């Protein structure tokens, strides 16, 4: 068992054609992985990742479940890059396609959803992740429903992760953008999918009929919250910070409007490192570690 102890378009047609030309190669590489339903081998030999608590063993298989494209990259791209370098098999599950994010873009919802899927595919590849699963729930209207729990459980049974990474279940009113209702609903549905649904053969029996056997997740890593709670893991992303920035730059429909993005990301990561008394100039991403085995 893994343990970490008190361890972007003024011209719609031209804009879309340009973006799709850039991402077409990425999309072809990843197309076979989108909404994949193929069981993948569970045994992966991994190395370690740098943390405030010292070198920690990298989980063999990791599944990140988030509400929107770019959520994973703001919260965990540096860590995912480090895990991939250490040999972990990393998968992403996106509950929505982000079609409500971009009220200043002259695109309809279907066009924006397609664009944001392309951006997320490119961003994932920037950190070495090729396995993406899209649930296509309506952006801005995610609720913690039995259907969502079932669909996340299905992905868990397909990917068979040791660790599931997701968003915080608690709202942070000091940073309201991180407490989007879709984030909170996704987090709670993910926790219910981890326990009890994914491991219980009597939960969502249609999954068994589809051939997806129960799977027990060992740990949940909950993304950085307002204040440290419980057992915290602080991953040193100094060496992978530029990959995090590169991933977020792929989300140009969202991040082109953010002035000083690099400096903002550096400030956030430096602040996380400081809470763990990591050396000056260290950059980190933090997680609450919840044992679920």
Protein backbone atom coordinates (compact mmCIF):
# COMPACT_ATOMS: atom_id res chain seq x y z
CA UNK A 1 0.00 0.00 0.00
CA UNK A 2 1.26 3.47 -0.88
CA UNK A 3 2.05 5.58 2.15
CA UNK A 4 3.12 9.21 2.51
CA UNK A 5 3.58 9.82 6.15
CA UNK A 6 3.21 13.11 8.23
CA UNK A 7 5.01 11.85 4.74
CA UNK A 8 -8.31 30.97 -27.53
CA UNK A 9 -10.75 34.64 -32.58
CA UNK A 10 -11.97 37.35 -34.29
CA UNK A 11 -12.36 35.32 -37.49
CA UNK A 12 -14.16 32.16 -36.42
CA UNK A 13 -13.31 30.08 -39.45
CA UNK A 14 -9.66 31.14 -39.67
CA UNK A 15 -9.18 30.83 -35.92
CA UNK A 16 -10.59 27.33 -35.70
CA UNK A 17 -8.70 26.15 -38.77
CA UNK A 18 -5.44 27.41 -37.34
CA UNK A 19 -5.98 25.85 -33.95
CA UNK A 20 -7.14 22.56 -35.40
CA UNK A 21 -4.15 22.42 -37.73
CA UNK A 22 -1.86 22.88 -34.75
CA UNK A 23 -3.57 20.25 -32.65
CA UNK A 24 -4.47 17.73 -35.37
CA UNK A 25 -1.30 15.74 -34.87
CA UNK A 26 -1.90 15.67 -31.13
CA UNK A 27 -5.50 14.57 -31.65
CA UNK A 28 -4.51 11.71 -33.93
CA UNK A 29 -2.02 10.50 -31.38
CA UNK A 30 -4.63 10.51 -28.64
CA UNK A 31 -7.81 9.58 -30.53
CA UNK A 32 -7.57 5.90 -29.68
CA UNK A 33 -7.39 6.82 -26.00
CA UNK A 34 -10.37 9.17 -25.81
CA UNK A 35 -13.26 7.57 -23.97
CA UNK A 36 -11.26 4.35 -24.05
CA UNK A 37 -12.94 1.24 -22.71
CA UNK A 38 -9.96 -1.10 -22.94
CA UNK A 39 -8.57 -2.64 -19.80
CA UNK A 40 -4.91 -1.73 -19.39
CA UNK A 41 -2.17 -3.74 -17.64
CA UNK A 42 -2.01 -2.95 -13.96
CA UNK A 43 1.63 -3.63 -13.16
CA UNK A 44 3.98 -0.72 -13.82
CA UNK A 45 7.48 -0.37 -12.42
CA UNK A 46 8.05 3.15 -11.15
CA UNK A 47 10.72 5.28 -9.54
CA UNK A 48 10.28 8.12 -7.08
CA UNK A 49 9.13 11.73 -7.05
CA UNK A 50 10.64 14.58 -4.99
CA UNK A 51 8.51 15.80 -2.10
CA UNK A 52 8.94 17.94 0.99
CA UNK A 53 9.05 14.72 2.93
CA UNK A 54 11.85 13.27 0.77
CA UNK A 55 11.80 10.98 -2.23
CA UNK A 56 8.46 9.16 -2.37
CA UNK A 57 7.52 6.10 -4.43
CA UNK A 58 5.52 6.99 -7.53
CA UNK A 59 2.20 5.12 -7.78
CA UNK A 60 2.03 2.66 -10.67
CA UNK A 61 -1.28 3.99 -12.00
CA UNK A 62 -2.87 7.39 -11.42
CA UNK A 63 -6.29 8.71 -12.50
CA UNK A 64 -7.06 12.45 -12.31
CA UNK A 65 -10.78 13.32 -12.23
CA UNK A 66 -11.70 16.98 -12.78
CA UNK A 67 -14.69 19.03 -13.90
CA UNK A 68 -13.25 21.07 -16.78
CA UNK A 69 -10.40 21.17 -19.28
CA UNK A 70 -7.50 23.09 -17.68
CA UNK A 71 -8.49 22.17 -14.10
CA UNK A 72 -5.96 19.37 -14.05
CA UNK A 73 -3.21 21.63 -15.37
CA UNK A 74 -3.78 24.46 -12.93
CA UNK A 75 -3.86 22.01 -10.04
CA UNK A 76 -1.53 19.15 -10.85
CA UNK A 77 0.35 19.41 -14.18
CA UNK A 78 3.74 19.70 -12.50
CA UNK A 79 3.09 16.62 -10.41
CA UNK A 80 1.73 14.65 -13.37
CA UNK A 81 4.87 15.50 -15.36
CA UNK A 82 7.00 14.26 -12.48
CA UNK A 83 4.97 11.07 -12.17
CA UNK A 84 5.23 10.33 -15.90
CA UNK A 85 9.00 10.83 -15.70
CA UNK A 86 9.06 8.37 -12.80
CA UNK A 87 7.22 5.76 -14.87
CA UNK A 88 3.65 6.14 -13.62
CA UNK A 89 0.79 5.50 -16.06
CA UNK A 90 -1.35 8.65 -15.77
CA UNK A 91 -4.92 8.99 -17.09
CA UNK A 92 -7.30 11.96 -17.11
CA UNK A 93 -11.08 11.88 -16.72
CA UNK A 94 -12.85 15.12 -17.76
CA UNK A 95 -16.44 15.39 -16.57
CA UNK A 96 -17.33 18.24 -18.98
CA UNK A 97 -15.82 19.61 -22.19
CA UNK A 98 -15.78 23.19 -20.90
CA UNK A 99 -18.32 24.56 -23.38
CA UNK A 100 -19.48 27.23 -20.91
CA UNK A 101 -16.00 28.66 -20.39
CA UNK A 102 -15.39 31.53 -22.79
CA UNK A 103 -18.23 34.03 -22.98
CA UNK A 104 -15.95 36.39 -24.92
CA UNK A 105 -15.34 33.88 -27.74
CA UNK A 106 -17.53 34.00 -30.91
CA UNK A 107 -18.14 30.24 -30.86
CA UNK A 108 -21.23 28.18 -30.18
CA UNK A 109 -21.13 25.55 -27.45
CA UNK A 110 -20.30 22.65 -29.78
CA UNK A 111 -17.43 24.57 -31.38
CA UNK A 112 -16.05 25.62 -28.01
CA UNK A 113 -16.32 22.09 -26.63
CA UNK A 114 -14.38 20.75 -29.62
CA UNK A 115 -11.74 23.44 -29.25
CA UNK A 116 -11.30 22.83 -25.54
CA UNK A 117 -11.00 19.09 -26.03
CA UNK A 118 -8.23 19.74 -28.54
CA UNK A 119 -6.51 22.10 -26.12
CA UNK A 120 -6.71 19.60 -23.27
CA UNK A 121 -5.36 16.81 -25.47
CA UNK A 122 -2.36 18.98 -26.38
CA UNK A 123 -1.87 20.02 -22.75
CA UNK A 124 -1.91 16.41 -21.62
CA UNK A 125 0.72 15.50 -24.18
CA UNK A 126 2.86 18.39 -22.93
CA UNK A 127 3.33 16.46 -19.68
CA UNK A 128 3.39 12.99 -21.25
CA UNK A 129 -0.25 11.94 -20.71
CA UNK A 130 -2.09 10.24 -23.59
CA UNK A 131 -5.04 8.48 -21.93
CA UNK A 132 -8.06 10.81 -21.73
CA UNK A 133 -11.66 9.91 -20.89
CA UNK A 134 -14.45 12.43 -21.65
CA UNK A 135 -17.79 12.08 -19.85
CA UNK A 136 -19.46 15.01 -21.70
CA UNK A 137 -21.65 16.24 -18.85
CA UNK A 138 -23.06 19.78 -19.39
CA UNK A 139 -20.61 22.45 -18.28
CA UNK A 140 -21.98 24.57 -15.46
CA UNK A 141 -24.66 22.03 -14.56
CA UNK A 142 -22.73 19.21 -12.93
CA UNK A 143 -24.40 17.69 -9.89
CA UNK A 144 -23.36 14.86 -7.64
CA UNK A 145 -25.71 12.33 -9.20
CA UNK A 146 -25.84 8.55 -9.27
CA UNK A 147 -25.22 8.71 -13.03
CA UNK A 148 -22.02 10.68 -12.51
CA UNK A 149 -20.90 8.33 -9.75
CA UNK A 150 -21.50 5.39 -12.08
CA UNK A 151 -19.62 6.97 -14.98
CA UNK A 152 -16.61 7.83 -12.82
CA UNK A 153 -16.73 4.34 -11.35
CA UNK A 154 -16.61 2.92 -14.86
CA UNK A 155 -13.43 4.86 -15.61
CA UNK A 156 -11.90 3.75 -12.33
CA UNK A 157 -12.62 0.13 -13.18
CA UNK A 158 -11.12 0.60 -16.66
CA UNK A 159 -7.96 2.41 -15.54
CA UNK A 160 -7.50 0.50 -12.27
CA UNK A 161 -5.57 3.29 -10.53
CA UNK A 162 -3.68 2.98 -7.30
CA UNK A 163 -4.27 6.70 -6.71
CA UNK A 164 -7.15 8.95 -7.77
CA UNK A 165 -6.45 12.69 -7.82
CA UNK A 166 -9.40 15.06 -7.66
CA UNK A 167 -10.54 18.51 -6.63
CA UNK A 168 -11.33 19.57 -3.06
CA UNK A 169 -14.71 18.73 -1.62
CA UNK A 170 -14.55 21.89 0.51
CA UNK A 171 -15.17 25.39 -0.86
CA UNK A 172 -12.41 27.98 -0.49
CA UNK A 173 -14.12 31.35 -0.25
CA UNK A 174 -10.75 33.13 -0.36
CA UNK A 175 -10.32 31.88 -3.95
CA UNK A 176 -13.85 31.57 -5.29
CA UNK A 177 -12.81 30.51 -8.82
CA UNK A 178 -11.45 27.30 -7.34
CA UNK A 179 -14.81 26.62 -5.70
CA UNK A 180 -16.93 26.41 -8.87
CA UNK A 181 -20.04 24.28 -8.19
CA UNK A 182 -18.90 21.86 -10.90
CA UNK A 183 -15.64 21.35 -9.02
CA UNK A 184 -17.39 20.56 -5.76
CA UNK A 185 -19.91 18.20 -7.39
CA UNK A 186 -17.13 16.41 -9.24
CA UNK A 187 -15.11 16.01 -6.08
CA UNK A 188 -17.98 14.53 -4.08
CA UNK A 189 -19.02 12.20 -6.92
CA UNK A 190 -15.42 11.07 -7.28
CA UNK A 191 -15.12 10.29 -3.59
CA UNK A 192 -18.34 8.25 -3.76
CA UNK A 193 -17.06 6.46 -6.85
CA UNK A 194 -13.83 5.58 -5.06
CA UNK A 195 -15.77 4.42 -2.02
CA UNK A 196 -18.01 2.59 -2.12
CA UNK A 197 -19.05 2.34 -5.78
CA UNK A 198 -16.01 1.25 -7.81
CA UNK A 199 -15.11 -1.57 -5.42
CA UNK A 200 -18.62 -2.84 -4.72
CA UNK A 201 -19.94 -5.36 -7.28
CA UNK A 202 -23.49 -4.52 -6.21
CA UNK A 203 -23.04 -0.83 -7.07
CA UNK A 204 -24.11 -0.03 -10.64
CA UNK A 205 -24.51 -3.69 -11.70
CA UNK A 206 -24.58 -2.59 -15.35
CA UNK A 207 -20.82 -2.08 -15.06
CA UNK A 208 -20.34 -5.77 -14.38
CA UNK A 209 -22.54 -6.52 -17.39
CA UNK A 210 -20.18 -4.35 -19.44
CA UNK A 211 -17.25 -6.42 -18.22
CA UNK A 212 -15.80 -3.93 -15.74
CA UNK A 213 -14.71 -5.71 -12.57
CA UNK A 214 -14.67 -3.97 -9.18
CA UNK A 215 -11.50 -2.12 -8.28
CA UNK A 216 -10.26 -0.75 -4.97
CA UNK A 217 -8.38 2.56 -5.06
CA UNK A 218 -5.64 2.76 -2.44
CA UNK A 219 -5.45 6.53 -1.99
CA UNK A 220 -7.08 9.78 -3.04
CA UNK A 221 -4.90 12.86 -3.45
CA UNK A 222 -7.13 15.90 -3.03
CA UNK A 223 -5.78 19.06 -4.65
CA UNK A 224 -4.50 22.02 -2.64
CA UNK A 225 -7.08 23.51 -0.32
CA UNK A 226 -7.37 26.73 1.68
CA UNK A 227 -5.31 25.33 4.52
CA UNK A 228 -3.45 22.08 5.10
CA UNK A 229 -5.64 19.37 6.58
CA UNK A 230 -4.79 15.83 7.57
CA UNK A 231 -1.82 14.14 5.96
CA UNK A 232 -0.34 16.45 3.32
CA UNK A 233 1.90 15.63 0.36
CA UNK A 234 3.95 18.46 -1.14
CA UNK A 235 5.44 17.53 -4.52
CA UNK A 236 8.52 19.47 -5.63
CA UNK A 237 7.71 20.65 -9.19
CA UNK A 238 10.70 22.95 -9.61
CA UNK A 239 12.10 20.66 -12.32
CA UNK A 240 8.74 20.28 -14.09
CA UNK A 241 7.37 23.81 -13.66
CA UNK A 242 8.07 24.77 -17.29
CA UNK A 243 6.07 21.74 -18.42
CA UNK A 244 3.18 22.94 -16.26
CA UNK A 245 3.38 26.37 -17.91
CA UNK A 246 3.56 24.77 -21.35
CA UNK A 247 0.47 22.69 -20.59
CA UNK A 248 -1.50 25.73 -19.47
CA UNK A 249 -0.40 27.69 -22.55
CA UNK A 250 -2.11 24.98 -24.62
CA UNK A 251 -5.42 26.21 -23.14
CA UNK A 252 -5.13 29.45 -25.12
CA UNK A 253 -8.90 30.03 -25.26
CA UNK A 254 -8.70 30.43 -21.49
CA UNK A 255 -5.18 31.50 -20.58
CA UNK A 256 -4.42 34.08 -23.31
CA UNK A 257 -6.53 36.53 -21.31
CA UNK A 258 -4.49 36.07 -18.11
CA UNK A 259 -1.76 38.69 -17.82
CA UNK A 260 1.45 37.46 -16.24
CA UNK A 261 0.37 33.81 -16.21
CA UNK A 262 3.88 32.49 -15.62
CA UNK A 263 4.44 34.79 -12.65
CA UNK A 264 1.04 33.94 -11.19
CA UNK A 265 1.70 30.20 -11.40
CA UNK A 266 5.14 30.69 -9.87
CA UNK A 267 3.67 32.71 -7.02
CA UNK A 268 1.09 30.03 -6.26
CA UNK A 269 3.64 27.20 -6.39
CA UNK A 270 6.09 29.13 -4.24
CA UNK A 271 3.38 29.70 -1.66
CA UNK A 272 2.59 26.00 -1.48
CA UNK A 273 6.26 25.21 -0.99
CA UNK A 274 6.54 27.78 1.78
CA UNK A 275 3.74 26.15 3.78
CA UNK A 276 5.83 22.99 3.87
CA UNK A 277 9.03 24.81 4.84
CA UNK A 278 10.69 23.76 1.61
CA UNK A 279 13.92 25.56 0.60
CA UNK A 280 13.70 29.04 -0.94
CA UNK A 281 12.99 29.11 -4.70
CA UNK A 282 11.31 25.70 -4.48
CA UNK A 283 8.02 25.32 -6.35
CA UNK A 284 5.43 22.79 -5.22
CA UNK A 285 1.93 21.42 -5.61
CA UNK A 286 0.10 20.18 -2.55
CA UNK A 287 -2.39 17.43 -1.89
CA UNK A 288 -4.29 16.03 1.05
CA UNK A 289 -3.66 12.29 1.10
CA UNK A 290 -6.64 10.13 2.03
CA UNK A 291 -6.19 6.42 2.53
CA UNK A 292 -9.10 4.57 0.90
CA UNK A 293 -7.99 0.95 0.80
